C-alpha atoms as a PDB file:
ATOM      1  CA  MET A   1     -16.947   0.780  30.482  1.00  0.00           C
ATOM      2  CA  GLY A   2     -14.204  -1.185  28.746  1.00  0.00           C
ATOM      3  CA  SER A   3     -10.748  -0.027  27.778  1.00  0.00           C
ATOM      4  CA  PRO A   4     -10.731   3.480  26.257  1.00  0.00           C
ATOM      5  CA  LYS A   5      -8.628   3.887  23.123  1.00  0.00           C
ATOM      6  CA  ASP A   6      -5.157   5.366  23.656  1.00  0.00           C
ATOM      7  CA  LEU A   7      -4.649   7.634  20.652  1.00  0.00           C
ATOM      8  CA  ASN A   8      -0.964   8.007  21.496  1.00  0.00           C
ATOM      9  CA  GLN A   9      -0.518   4.540  19.978  1.00  0.00           C
ATOM     10  CA  PRO A  10      -0.043   4.964  16.185  1.00  0.00           C
ATOM     11  CA  GLU A  11      -1.874   1.749  15.332  1.00  0.00           C
ATOM     12  CA  ILE A  12      -4.851   2.761  17.464  1.00  0.00           C
ATOM     13  CA  TYR A  13      -4.830   6.249  15.948  1.00  0.00           C
ATOM     14  CA  VAL A  14      -5.009   4.702  12.451  1.00  0.00           C
ATOM     15  CA  ASN A  15      -7.867   2.467  13.616  1.00  0.00           C
ATOM     16  CA  ALA A  16      -9.632   5.548  14.953  1.00  0.00           C
ATOM     17  CA  LEU A  17      -9.340   7.345  11.606  1.00  0.00           C
ATOM     18  CA  VAL A  18     -10.757   4.280   9.851  1.00  0.00           C
ATOM     19  CA  GLU A  19     -13.636   4.067  12.333  1.00  0.00           C
ATOM     20  CA  ALA A  20     -14.349   7.784  11.970  1.00  0.00           C
ATOM     21  CA  ALA A  21     -14.771   7.368   8.203  1.00  0.00           C
ATOM     22  CA  ARG A  22     -16.703   4.107   8.534  1.00  0.00           C
ATOM     23  CA  LEU A  23     -19.115   5.233  11.254  1.00  0.00           C
ATOM     24  CA  ASN A  24     -19.439   8.829  10.037  1.00  0.00           C
ATOM     25  CA  ASP A  25     -21.264   9.608  13.276  1.00  0.00           C
ATOM     26  CA  VAL A  26     -19.826  11.593  16.184  1.00  0.00           C
ATOM     27  CA  GLU A  27     -21.860   9.833  18.872  1.00  0.00           C
ATOM     28  CA  ALA A  28     -21.056   6.357  17.550  1.00  0.00           C
ATOM     29  CA  LEU A  29     -17.381   7.238  17.354  1.00  0.00           C
ATOM     30  CA  THR A  30     -17.510   8.637  20.890  1.00  0.00           C
ATOM     31  CA  ARG A  31     -18.821   5.303  22.158  1.00  0.00           C
ATOM     32  CA  TRP A  32     -16.147   3.426  20.192  1.00  0.00           C
ATOM     33  CA  LEU A  33     -13.384   5.598  21.664  1.00  0.00           C
ATOM     34  CA  ALA A  34     -14.722   5.174  25.193  1.00  0.00           C
ATOM     35  CA  ASP A  35     -15.395   1.461  24.594  1.00  0.00           C
ATOM     36  CA  ASP A  36     -18.694   2.112  26.307  1.00  0.00           C
ATOM     37  CA  GLU A  37     -22.202   1.966  24.833  1.00  0.00           C
ATOM     38  CA  GLN A  38     -23.317   4.327  27.616  1.00  0.00           C
ATOM     39  CA  ALA A  39     -20.443   6.770  27.157  1.00  0.00           C
ATOM     40  CA  GLU A  40     -22.717   9.806  27.366  1.00  0.00           C
ATOM     41  CA  THR A  41     -23.373   9.028  31.038  1.00  0.00           C
ATOM     42  CA  GLY A  42     -19.717   8.649  31.969  1.00  0.00           C
ATOM     43  CA  PRO A  43     -17.494  11.253  33.659  1.00  0.00           C
ATOM     44  CA  PHE A  44     -15.205  11.609  30.621  1.00  0.00           C
ATOM     45  CA  TYR A  45     -17.875  11.856  27.945  1.00  0.00           C
ATOM     46  CA  LYS A  46     -16.936  15.439  26.993  1.00  0.00           C
ATOM     47  CA  TRP A  47     -13.351  14.327  26.339  1.00  0.00           C
ATOM     48  CA  PHE A  48     -14.251  11.351  24.199  1.00  0.00           C
ATOM     49  CA  ARG A  49     -16.647  13.517  22.228  1.00  0.00           C
ATOM     50  CA  TYR A  50     -13.897  16.086  21.732  1.00  0.00           C
ATOM     51  CA  PHE A  51     -11.635  13.343  20.378  1.00  0.00           C
ATOM     52  CA  ALA A  52     -14.453  12.133  18.129  1.00  0.00           C
ATOM     53  CA  GLU A  53     -15.120  15.601  16.695  1.00  0.00           C
ATOM     54  CA  ARG A  54     -11.416  16.079  15.951  1.00  0.00           C
ATOM     55  CA  LEU A  55     -11.127  12.665  14.338  1.00  0.00           C
ATOM     56  CA  MET A  56     -14.251  13.188  12.251  1.00  0.00           C
ATOM     57  CA  ALA A  57     -12.700  16.343  10.811  1.00  0.00           C
ATOM     58  CA  MET A  58      -9.333  14.712  10.100  1.00  0.00           C
ATOM     59  CA  ALA A  59     -10.448  11.295   8.821  1.00  0.00           C
ATOM     60  CA  PRO A  60     -10.190  10.362   5.105  1.00  0.00           C
ATOM     61  CA  HIS A  61     -13.829  10.489   4.040  1.00  0.00           C
ATOM     62  CA  PRO A  62     -15.001   9.075   0.686  1.00  0.00           C
ATOM     63  CA  GLU A  63     -17.045  12.167  -0.254  1.00  0.00           C
ATOM     64  CA  THR A  64     -13.908  14.339   0.013  1.00  0.00           C
ATOM     65  CA  GLY A  65     -11.741  12.013  -2.059  1.00  0.00           C
ATOM     66  CA  PHE A  66     -10.339  10.518   1.151  1.00  0.00           C
ATOM     67  CA  SER A  67      -9.015  13.812   2.475  1.00  0.00           C
ATOM     68  CA  ALA A  68      -9.861  15.732   5.650  1.00  0.00           C
ATOM     69  CA  ARG A  69     -13.109  17.655   5.845  1.00  0.00           C
ATOM     70  CA  PRO A  70     -13.069  21.444   6.061  1.00  0.00           C
ATOM     71  CA  ALA A  71     -14.020  22.113   9.657  1.00  0.00           C
ATOM     72  CA  ARG A  72     -13.777  24.788  12.295  1.00  0.00           C
ATOM     73  CA  PRO A  73     -11.207  24.150  15.033  1.00  0.00           C
ATOM     74  CA  VAL A  74     -12.526  22.143  17.970  1.00  0.00           C
ATOM     75  CA  SER A  75     -11.357  23.356  21.360  1.00  0.00           C
ATOM     76  CA  PRO A  76     -10.756  20.855  24.168  1.00  0.00           C
ATOM     77  CA  PRO A  77     -12.964  21.029  27.232  1.00  0.00           C
ATOM     78  CA  LYS A  78     -11.736  23.120  30.120  1.00  0.00           C
ATOM     79  CA  ILE A  79     -10.477  21.200  33.136  1.00  0.00           C
ATOM     80  CA  GLY A  80     -11.156  22.618  36.560  1.00  0.00           C
ATOM     81  CA  ARG A  81      -8.607  22.073  39.289  1.00  0.00           C
ATOM     82  CA  ASN A  82     -11.116  20.023  41.240  1.00  0.00           C
ATOM     83  CA  ASP A  83     -12.479  18.115  38.233  1.00  0.00           C
ATOM     84  CA  ALA A  84     -11.753  14.426  37.794  1.00  0.00           C
ATOM     85  CA  CYS A  85      -8.516  14.017  35.857  1.00  0.00           C
ATOM     86  CA  PRO A  86      -9.293  12.918  32.270  1.00  0.00           C
ATOM     87  CA  CYS A  87      -6.526  10.318  32.439  1.00  0.00           C
ATOM     88  CA  GLY A  88      -8.947   8.108  34.386  1.00  0.00           C
ATOM     89  CA  SER A  89      -6.873   7.824  37.551  1.00  0.00           C
ATOM     90  CA  GLY A  90      -9.840   8.784  39.758  1.00  0.00           C
ATOM     91  CA  LYS A  91      -7.881  11.654  41.266  1.00  0.00           C
ATOM     92  CA  LYS A  92      -8.664  15.316  40.986  1.00  0.00           C
ATOM     93  CA  PHE A  93      -6.921  17.129  38.185  1.00  0.00           C
ATOM     94  CA  LYS A  94      -4.884  19.241  40.632  1.00  0.00           C
ATOM     95  CA  GLN A  95      -3.614  16.042  42.279  1.00  0.00           C
ATOM     96  CA  CYS A  96      -2.738  14.301  39.046  1.00  0.00           C
ATOM     97  CA  HIS A  97      -1.837  15.904  35.681  1.00  0.00           C
ATOM     98  CA  LEU A  98      -2.223  19.603  36.385  1.00  0.00           C
ATOM     99  CA  GLU A  99       1.540  20.175  36.298  1.00  0.00           C
ATOM    100  CA  SER A 100       2.010  18.242  33.023  1.00  0.00           C
ATOM    101  CA  GLU A 101      -0.931  19.519  31.037  1.00  0.00           C
ATOM    102  CA  ASP A 102       1.087  19.715  27.811  1.00  0.00           C
ATOM    103  CA  SER A 103       1.914  16.008  27.803  1.00  0.00           C
ATOM    104  CA  VAL A 104      -1.166  14.321  29.189  1.00  0.00           C
ATOM    105  CA  ILE A 105      -2.569  11.333  27.382  1.00  0.00           C
ATOM    106  CA  TRP A 106      -5.789  13.013  26.265  1.00  0.00           C
ATOM    107  CA  LYS A 107      -3.972  15.433  23.965  1.00  0.00           C
ATOM    108  CA  ILE A 108      -4.605  14.708  20.292  1.00  0.00           C
ATOM    109  CA  GLY A 109      -2.494  15.941  17.407  1.00  0.00           C
ATOM    110  CA  SER A 110      -2.896  15.633  13.662  1.00  0.00           C
ATOM    111  CA  PRO A 111      -2.079  12.243  12.112  1.00  0.00           C
ATOM    112  CA  SER A 112       1.297  11.846  10.454  1.00  0.00           C
ATOM    113  CA  PRO A 113       1.358  11.429   6.648  1.00  0.00           C
ATOM    114  CA  MET A 114       2.182   7.746   7.153  1.00  0.00           C
ATOM    115  CA  MET A 115      -0.814   7.256   9.450  1.00  0.00           C
ATOM    116  CA  ARG A 116      -3.088   8.982   6.972  1.00  0.00           C
ATOM    117  CA  ALA A 117      -1.762   6.851   4.107  1.00  0.00           C
ATOM    118  CA  MET A 118      -2.348   3.674   6.111  1.00  0.00           C
ATOM    119  CA  ALA A 119      -5.886   4.772   6.948  1.00  0.00           C
ATOM    120  CA  VAL A 120      -6.691   5.603   3.312  1.00  0.00           C
ATOM    121  CA  THR A 121      -5.403   2.208   2.172  1.00  0.00           C
ATOM    122  CA  ARG A 122      -7.506   0.372   4.749  1.00  0.00           C
ATOM    123  CA  ILE A 123     -10.674   2.360   4.128  1.00  0.00           C
ATOM    124  CA  ILE A 124     -10.535   1.774   0.386  1.00  0.00           C
ATOM    125  CA  GLY A 125      -9.616  -1.878   0.824  1.00  0.00           C
ATOM    126  CA  GLU A 126     -12.668  -2.431   3.017  1.00  0.00           C
ATOM    127  CA  ALA A 127     -15.090  -0.396   0.878  1.00  0.00           C
ATOM    128  CA  ASN A 128     -17.530  -1.879  -1.624  1.00  0.00           C
ATOM    129  CA  LEU A 129     -17.743  -0.659  -5.210  1.00  0.00           C
ATOM    130  CA  ASP A 130     -21.077   1.054  -4.636  1.00  0.00           C
ATOM    131  CA  LEU A 131     -19.348   3.357  -2.168  1.00  0.00           C
ATOM    132  CA  LEU A 132     -16.280   3.846  -4.360  1.00  0.00           C
ATOM    133  CA  ASP A 133     -18.545   4.791  -7.266  1.00  0.00           C
ATOM    134  CA  THR A 134     -19.556   7.893  -5.279  1.00  0.00           C
ATOM    135  CA  VAL A 135     -15.997   9.144  -4.698  1.00  0.00           C
ATOM    136  CA  PRO A 136     -15.043  12.346  -6.594  1.00  0.00           C
ATOM    137  CA  VAL A 137     -11.878  11.124  -8.303  1.00  0.00           C
ATOM    138  CA  GLU A 138     -10.774  14.681  -9.120  1.00  0.00           C
ATOM    139  CA  LYS A 139     -10.268  15.221  -5.391  1.00  0.00           C
ATOM    140  CA  CYS A 140      -8.334  12.001  -4.792  1.00  0.00           C
ATOM    141  CA  SER A 141      -4.662  11.841  -3.914  1.00  0.00           C
ATOM    142  CA  PRO A 142      -2.421   9.654  -6.095  1.00  0.00           C
ATOM    143  CA  LEU A 143      -2.399   7.014  -3.352  1.00  0.00           C
ATOM    144  CA  ALA A 144      -6.200   6.950  -3.209  1.00  0.00           C
ATOM    145  CA  LEU A 145      -6.436   6.626  -7.004  1.00  0.00           C
ATOM    146  CA  ALA A 146      -4.035   3.676  -7.017  1.00  0.00           C
ATOM    147  CA  GLU A 147      -5.780   1.908  -4.160  1.00  0.00           C
ATOM    148  CA  MET A 148      -9.181   2.452  -5.763  1.00  0.00           C
ATOM    149  CA  ALA A 149      -7.820   1.042  -9.021  1.00  0.00           C
ATOM    150  CA  ALA A 150      -6.690  -2.088  -7.177  1.00  0.00           C
ATOM    151  CA  ALA A 151     -10.127  -2.428  -5.549  1.00  0.00           C
ATOM    152  CA  TYR A 152     -11.919  -2.251  -8.901  1.00  0.00           C
ATOM    153  CA  GLN A 153      -9.470  -4.666 -10.509  1.00  0.00           C
ATOM    154  CA  LYS A 154     -10.022  -7.164  -7.704  1.00  0.00           C
ATOM    155  CA  GLU A 155     -13.741  -7.125  -8.518  1.00  0.00           C
ATOM    156  CA  GLY A 156     -13.128  -7.628 -12.248  1.00  0.00           C
ATOM    157  CA  GLU A 157     -13.772  -3.988 -13.229  1.00  0.00           C
ATOM    158  CA  THR A 158     -10.587  -3.754 -15.331  1.00  0.00           C
ATOM    159  CA  ASP A 159     -11.641  -0.790 -17.475  1.00  0.00           C
ATOM    160  CA  THR A 160     -12.367   1.360 -14.431  1.00  0.00           C
ATOM    161  CA  ALA A 161      -9.151   0.183 -12.791  1.00  0.00           C
ATOM    162  CA  LEU A 162      -7.136   1.190 -15.855  1.00  0.00           C
ATOM    163  CA  THR A 163      -8.781   4.612 -16.020  1.00  0.00           C
ATOM    164  CA  LEU A 164      -8.000   5.342 -12.362  1.00  0.00           C
ATOM    165  CA  LEU A 165      -4.448   4.056 -12.544  1.00  0.00           C
ATOM    166  CA  LYS A 166      -3.707   6.005 -15.716  1.00  0.00           C
ATOM    167  CA  ARG A 167      -4.939   9.153 -13.989  1.00  0.00           C
ATOM    168  CA  MET A 168      -2.458   8.497 -11.188  1.00  0.00           C
ATOM    169  CA  LEU A 169       0.424   7.646 -13.510  1.00  0.00           C
ATOM    170  CA  ASP A 170      -0.217  10.763 -15.602  1.00  0.00           C
ATOM    171  CA  GLY A 171       0.137  12.908 -12.478  1.00  0.00           C
ATOM    172  CA  ASP A 172       3.297  14.271 -10.909  1.00  0.00           C
ATOM    173  CA  ARG A 173       4.206  10.971  -9.147  1.00  0.00           C
ATOM    174  CA  GLU A 174       5.448  12.880  -6.112  1.00  0.00           C
ATOM    175  CA  ASP A 175       3.555  10.892  -3.469  1.00  0.00           C
ATOM    176  CA  PRO A 176       6.236   9.362  -1.191  1.00  0.00           C
ATOM    177  CA  PHE A 177       4.001   6.412  -0.337  1.00  0.00           C
ATOM    178  CA  LEU A 178       3.611   5.236  -3.926  1.00  0.00           C
ATOM    179  CA  LEU A 179       5.903   2.594  -5.405  1.00  0.00           C
ATOM    180  CA  ILE A 180       5.703   3.777  -8.986  1.00  0.00           C
ATOM    181  CA  ASP A 181       7.446   0.737 -10.449  1.00  0.00           C
ATOM    182  CA  TYR A 182       4.842  -1.533  -8.821  1.00  0.00           C
ATOM    183  CA  TRP A 183       1.957   0.380 -10.373  1.00  0.00           C
ATOM    184  CA  ILE A 184       3.655   0.561 -13.776  1.00  0.00           C
ATOM    185  CA  ALA A 185       3.884  -3.229 -13.770  1.00  0.00           C
ATOM    186  CA  ARG A 186       0.251  -3.549 -12.722  1.00  0.00           C
ATOM    187  CA  TYR A 187      -0.941  -1.151 -15.444  1.00  0.00           C
ATOM    188  CA  ALA A 188       0.824  -3.170 -18.149  1.00  0.00           C
ATOM    189  CA  GLU A 189      -0.516  -6.423 -16.664  1.00  0.00           C
ATOM    190  CA  TRP A 190      -4.077  -5.109 -16.606  1.00  0.00           C
ATOM    191  CA  LEU A 191      -3.803  -3.975 -20.221  1.00  0.00           C
ATOM    192  CA  VAL A 192      -2.914  -7.545 -21.154  1.00  0.00           C
ATOM    193  CA  GLU A 193      -5.912  -8.821 -19.184  1.00  0.00           C
ATOM    194  CA  ALA A 194      -8.079  -6.364 -21.111  1.00  0.00           C
ATOM    195  CA  GLY A 195      -6.817  -7.833 -24.400  1.00  0.00           C
ATOM    196  CA  LEU A 196      -4.536  -4.852 -25.080  1.00  0.00           C
ATOM    197  CA  ALA A 197      -1.112  -6.486 -24.984  1.00  0.00           C
ATOM    198  CA  ASP A 198       0.299  -4.269 -27.748  1.00  0.00           C
ATOM    199  CA  GLU A 199      -0.786  -1.191 -25.845  1.00  0.00           C
ATOM    200  CA  GLY A 200       0.847  -2.622 -22.741  1.00  0.00           C
ATOM    201  CA  GLU A 201       4.162  -2.990 -24.537  1.00  0.00           C
ATOM    202  CA  ARG A 202       3.934   0.537 -25.970  1.00  0.00           C
ATOM    203  CA  PHE A 203       3.216   1.863 -22.490  1.00  0.00           C
ATOM    204  CA  LEU A 204       6.297   0.175 -21.029  1.00  0.00           C
ATOM    205  CA  LEU A 205       8.508   1.359 -23.883  1.00  0.00           C
ATOM    206  CA  GLU A 206       7.339   4.915 -23.316  1.00  0.00           C
ATOM    207  CA  GLU A 207       8.084   4.550 -19.624  1.00  0.00           C
ATOM    208  CA  TYR A 208      11.572   3.352 -20.494  1.00  0.00           C
ATOM    209  CA  LYS A 209      12.141   6.412 -22.674  1.00  0.00           C
ATOM    210  CA  SER A 210      10.803   8.921 -20.173  1.00  0.00           C
ATOM    211  CA  GLN A 211      11.966   7.293 -16.894  1.00  0.00           C
ATOM    212  CA  ARG A 212       9.737   9.573 -14.885  1.00  0.00           C
ATOM    213  CA  LYS A 213      10.277   8.927 -11.161  1.00  0.00           C
ATOM    214  CA  ILE A 214      11.612   5.475 -12.026  1.00  0.00           C
ATOM    215  CA  GLU A 215      15.002   4.133 -13.065  1.00  0.00           C
ATOM    216  CA  GLY A 216      15.658   2.590 -16.449  1.00  0.00           C
ATOM    217  CA  TRP A 217      16.603  -0.823 -15.065  1.00  0.00           C
ATOM    218  CA  GLN A 218      13.254  -1.023 -13.282  1.00  0.00           C
ATOM    219  CA  VAL A 219      11.328  -0.559 -16.520  1.00  0.00           C
ATOM    220  CA  ALA A 220      13.695  -2.925 -18.340  1.00  0.00           C
ATOM    221  CA  GLN A 221      12.798  -5.511 -15.713  1.00  0.00           C
ATOM    222  CA  LYS A 222       9.108  -4.936 -16.365  1.00  0.00           C
ATOM    223  CA  LEU A 223       9.642  -5.260 -20.120  1.00  0.00           C
ATOM    224  CA  ALA A 224      11.583  -8.494 -19.648  1.00  0.00           C
ATOM    225  CA  ALA A 225       8.818  -9.961 -17.474  1.00  0.00           C
ATOM    226  CA  PHE A 226       6.207  -8.702 -19.939  1.00  0.00           C
ATOM    227  CA  HIS A 227       7.824 -10.529 -22.882  1.00  0.00           C
ATOM    228  CA  ILE A 228       8.315 -13.704 -20.847  1.00  0.00           C
ATOM    229  CA  ASP A 229       4.657 -13.588 -19.816  1.00  0.00           C
ATOM    230  CA  GLN A 230       3.729 -13.407 -23.489  1.00  0.00           C
ATOM    231  CA  GLY A 231       6.023 -16.338 -24.308  1.00  0.00           C
ATOM    232  CA  HIS A 232       8.365 -14.097 -26.330  1.00  0.00           C
ATOM    233  CA  LEU A 233      11.673 -15.283 -24.888  1.00  0.00           C
ATOM    234  CA  ASP A 234      13.714 -13.840 -27.743  1.00  0.00           C
ATOM    235  CA  GLY A 235      12.291 -10.383 -27.113  1.00  0.00           C
ATOM    236  CA  ALA A 236      13.047 -10.598 -23.391  1.00  0.00           C
ATOM    237  CA  GLY A 237      16.805 -11.193 -23.614  1.00  0.00           C
ATOM    238  CA  GLU A 238      17.893  -7.598 -24.228  1.00  0.00           C
ATOM    239  CA  TRP A 239      15.703  -6.304 -21.413  1.00  0.00           C
ATOM    240  CA  VAL A 240      16.973  -8.891 -18.942  1.00  0.00           C
ATOM    241  CA  GLU A 241      20.554  -7.839 -19.631  1.00  0.00           C
ATOM    242  CA  LEU A 242      19.680  -4.145 -19.299  1.00  0.00           C
ATOM    243  CA  ALA A 243      17.955  -4.833 -15.989  1.00  0.00           C
ATOM    244  CA  LEU A 244      20.962  -6.782 -14.729  1.00  0.00           C
ATOM    245  CA  ALA A 245      23.383  -4.089 -15.881  1.00  0.00           C
ATOM    246  CA  GLY A 246      21.394  -1.497 -13.956  1.00  0.00           C
ATOM    247  CA  LYS A 247      20.883  -3.590 -10.812  1.00  0.00           C
ATOM    248  CA  PRO A 248      23.163  -6.653 -10.720  1.00  0.00           C
ATOM    249  CA  ASP A 249      22.293  -7.494  -7.109  1.00  0.00           C
ATOM    250  CA  ASN A 250      18.532  -7.667  -7.668  1.00  0.00           C
ATOM    251  CA  PRO A 251      17.359 -11.292  -7.275  1.00  0.00           C
ATOM    252  CA  PHE A 252      14.367 -10.958  -9.589  1.00  0.00           C
ATOM    253  CA  ASN A 253      16.665  -9.941 -12.434  1.00  0.00           C
ATOM    254  CA  HIS A 254      18.611 -13.178 -11.955  1.00  0.00           C
ATOM    255  CA  TYR A 255      15.372 -15.125 -11.799  1.00  0.00           C
ATOM    256  CA  LEU A 256      14.378 -13.649 -15.167  1.00  0.00           C
ATOM    257  CA  ARG A 257      17.741 -14.636 -16.639  1.00  0.00           C
ATOM    258  CA  GLY A 258      17.168 -18.134 -15.257  1.00  0.00           C
ATOM    259  CA  LEU A 259      13.817 -18.338 -17.021  1.00  0.00           C
ATOM    260  CA  LEU A 260      15.421 -17.393 -20.325  1.00  0.00           C
ATOM    261  CA  ARG A 261      18.189 -19.963 -19.943  1.00  0.00           C
ATOM    262  CA  HIS A 262      15.732 -22.588 -18.808  1.00  0.00           C
ATOM    263  CA  GLY A 263      13.475 -21.874 -21.751  1.00  0.00           C
ATOM    264  CA  SER A 264      16.366 -22.497 -24.146  1.00  0.00           C
ATOM    265  CA  ASP A 265      17.290 -25.768 -22.339  1.00  0.00           C
ATOM    266  CA  ASP A 266      20.462 -24.296 -20.845  1.00  0.00           C
ATOM    267  CA  PHE A 267      19.820 -26.157 -17.603  1.00  0.00           C
ATOM    268  CA  GLU A 268      23.233 -25.534 -16.070  1.00  0.00           C
ATOM    269  CA  GLY A 269      22.952 -21.799 -16.724  1.00  0.00           C
ATOM    270  CA  ALA A 270      19.405 -21.752 -15.403  1.00  0.00           C
ATOM    271  CA  VAL A 271      20.454 -23.469 -12.160  1.00  0.00           C
ATOM    272  CA  SER A 272      23.244 -20.922 -11.707  1.00  0.00           C
ATOM    273  CA  SER A 273      20.848 -17.996 -12.188  1.00  0.00           C
ATOM    274  CA  TYR A 274      18.144 -19.420  -9.938  1.00  0.00           C
ATOM    275  CA  GLU A 275      20.656 -20.134  -7.175  1.00  0.00           C
ATOM    276  CA  ARG A 276      22.028 -16.615  -7.460  1.00  0.00           C
ATOM    277  CA  ALA A 277      18.491 -15.247  -7.161  1.00  0.00           C
ATOM    278  CA  MET A 278      17.943 -17.262  -3.994  1.00  0.00           C
ATOM    279  CA  GLU A 279      21.271 -16.151  -2.551  1.00  0.00           C
ATOM    280  CA  LEU A 280      20.517 -12.466  -3.145  1.00  0.00           C
ATOM    281  CA  SER A 281      16.998 -12.740  -1.761  1.00  0.00           C
ATOM    282  CA  SER A 282      18.480 -13.348   1.698  1.00  0.00           C
ATOM    283  CA  GLY A 283      18.782  -9.564   1.983  1.00  0.00           C
ATOM    284  CA  PHE A 284      15.021  -9.166   1.672  1.00  0.00           C
ATOM    285  CA  ARG A 285      12.611  -8.913   4.556  1.00  0.00           C
ATOM    286  CA  GLU A 286      11.059 -12.222   5.628  1.00  0.00           C
ATOM    287  CA  GLN A 287       7.818 -11.924   3.658  1.00  0.00           C
ATOM    288  CA  GLU A 288       9.596 -10.868   0.473  1.00  0.00           C
ATOM    289  CA  GLN A 289      12.213 -13.580   0.827  1.00  0.00           C
ATOM    290  CA  ALA A 290       9.484 -16.190   1.174  1.00  0.00           C
ATOM    291  CA  TYR A 291       7.840 -14.857  -1.991  1.00  0.00           C
ATOM    292  CA  MET A 292      11.120 -15.000  -3.907  1.00  0.00           C
ATOM    293  CA  LEU A 293      11.814 -18.557  -2.771  1.00  0.00           C
ATOM    294  CA  GLU A 294       8.313 -19.612  -3.773  1.00  0.00           C
ATOM    295  CA  LEU A 295       8.944 -18.177  -7.228  1.00  0.00           C
ATOM    296  CA  VAL A 296      12.299 -19.862  -7.725  1.00  0.00           C
ATOM    297  CA  GLU A 297      12.219 -23.228  -5.954  1.00  0.00           C
ATOM    298  CA  GLU A 298      10.065 -25.207  -8.395  1.00  0.00           C
ATOM    299  CA  ALA A 299      11.890 -23.816 -11.433  1.00  0.00           C
ATOM    300  CA  LEU A 300      15.233 -24.637  -9.813  1.00  0.00           C
ATOM    301  CA  LYS A 301      14.111 -28.177  -9.063  1.00  0.00           C
ATOM    302  CA  ARG A 302      13.074 -28.736 -12.679  1.00  0.00           C
ATOM    303  CA  ALA A 303      16.279 -27.226 -14.058  1.00  0.00           C
ATOM    304  CA  LYS A 304      18.407 -29.504 -11.842  1.00  0.00           C
ATOM    305  CA  ALA A 305      16.436 -32.478 -13.141  1.00  0.00           C
ATOM    306  CA  GLY A 306      16.950 -31.377 -16.750  1.00  0.00           C
ATOM    307  CA  GLU A 307      13.220 -30.910 -17.179  1.00  0.00           C
ATOM    308  CA  PRO A 308      11.770 -28.184 -19.408  1.00  0.00           C
ATOM    309  CA  LEU A 309      10.320 -25.048 -17.900  1.00  0.00           C
ATOM    310  CA  MET A 310       6.643 -25.453 -17.062  1.00  0.00           C
ATOM    311  CA  GLU A 311       4.363 -22.898 -18.681  1.00  0.00           C
ATOM    312  CA  GLU A 312       3.248 -21.392 -15.375  1.00  0.00           C
ATOM    313  CA  GLU A 313       6.835 -20.816 -14.358  1.00  0.00           C
ATOM    314  CA  SER A 314       7.309 -18.458 -17.301  1.00  0.00           C
ATOM    315  CA  GLU A 315       4.580 -16.190 -16.027  1.00  0.00           C
ATOM    316  CA  GLY A 316       6.601 -14.265 -13.461  1.00  0.00           C
ATOM    317  CA  ASP A 317       4.509 -11.119 -13.346  1.00  0.00           C
ATOM    318  CA  GLY A 318       5.176 -10.185  -9.734  1.00  0.00           C
ATOM    319  CA  GLU A 319       8.275  -8.623  -8.295  1.00  0.00           C
ATOM    320  CA  PRO A 320       9.561  -9.150  -4.762  1.00  0.00           C
ATOM    321  CA  GLY A 321      10.007  -5.897  -2.925  1.00  0.00           C
ATOM    322  CA  ASN A 322       7.082  -4.379  -4.785  1.00  0.00           C
ATOM    323  CA  ALA A 323       4.477  -5.037  -2.140  1.00  0.00           C
ATOM    324  CA  LYS A 324       2.554  -1.809  -1.512  1.00  0.00           C
ATOM    325  CA  ASP A 325       3.708  -1.523   2.061  1.00  0.00           C
ATOM    326  CA  ASP A 326       7.389  -2.021   1.149  1.00  0.00           C
ATOM    327  CA  GLU A 327       9.959   0.659   0.497  1.00  0.00           C
ATOM    328  CA  GLY A 328      12.363  -1.545  -1.461  1.00  0.00           C
ATOM    329  CA  GLU A 329      12.638  -2.217  -5.168  1.00  0.00           C
ATOM    330  CA  ALA A 330      12.081  -5.280  -7.263  1.00  0.00           C
END
């Protein structure tokens, strides 16, 4: 027997939910929890099996749209006073955890919404398209729809990705774990990849008018980046200024202004904007700051040298702070 899984650790609990969905087998999950291929012969088998049955009911399964399965309640095994304590100490229960039965380590509660969201994201990210093709999308949460869309897009299935993401965006947008502005940007980007740039612009303009669960400056930022991506610098200027007016301390907005100035050979203005973007990015978390610096540094170097903006530097389609596991804003 190895090291049994401690489900009081959130990371391990998330791993257990992922394994429950992946294995889809109570006995296999029991062995995984016990870290023992011969778990059924061990003294704590009934406890690990109890954990496995509970986890199997609560895990995000593909056939349910990554929600919990309907299941009857599973009662924990009874512990006799003279039984071995399930904590693994080797003592009798009466000599160990009898007086603290409500707090012992083998108790298992329901996963928090954050844990469930993390498990859903991992399960979908590790799934192949053959499996995802079997998922009933009408049962999926908004988070599951978005993550499935990203999985299909990664495999070049843009039409399916767009269909799934539109279904999510047309919903109520109430999921607290969704960064709506991130997915709005991705939807417009994928429309361009599908050869539907005009539709992408119309979509963003409609989002700007409706501002449903998103602020106007955020959509203005997306519209500015969209026009710059298309090489339409003149069309981006108004949106850059609207984004800056709405969020003057957002570094990506200053980066966009730098691109516009750089594109019109205003090198001094471009340097000022790029440097301001770098200064403001210091408030980001480490990963996001690194991303922002990667975006800006080469453009800043060229602007200082009086060199024109390279084509790839005008394709700023990502936004720092929009990573799916981040709670900030671009």
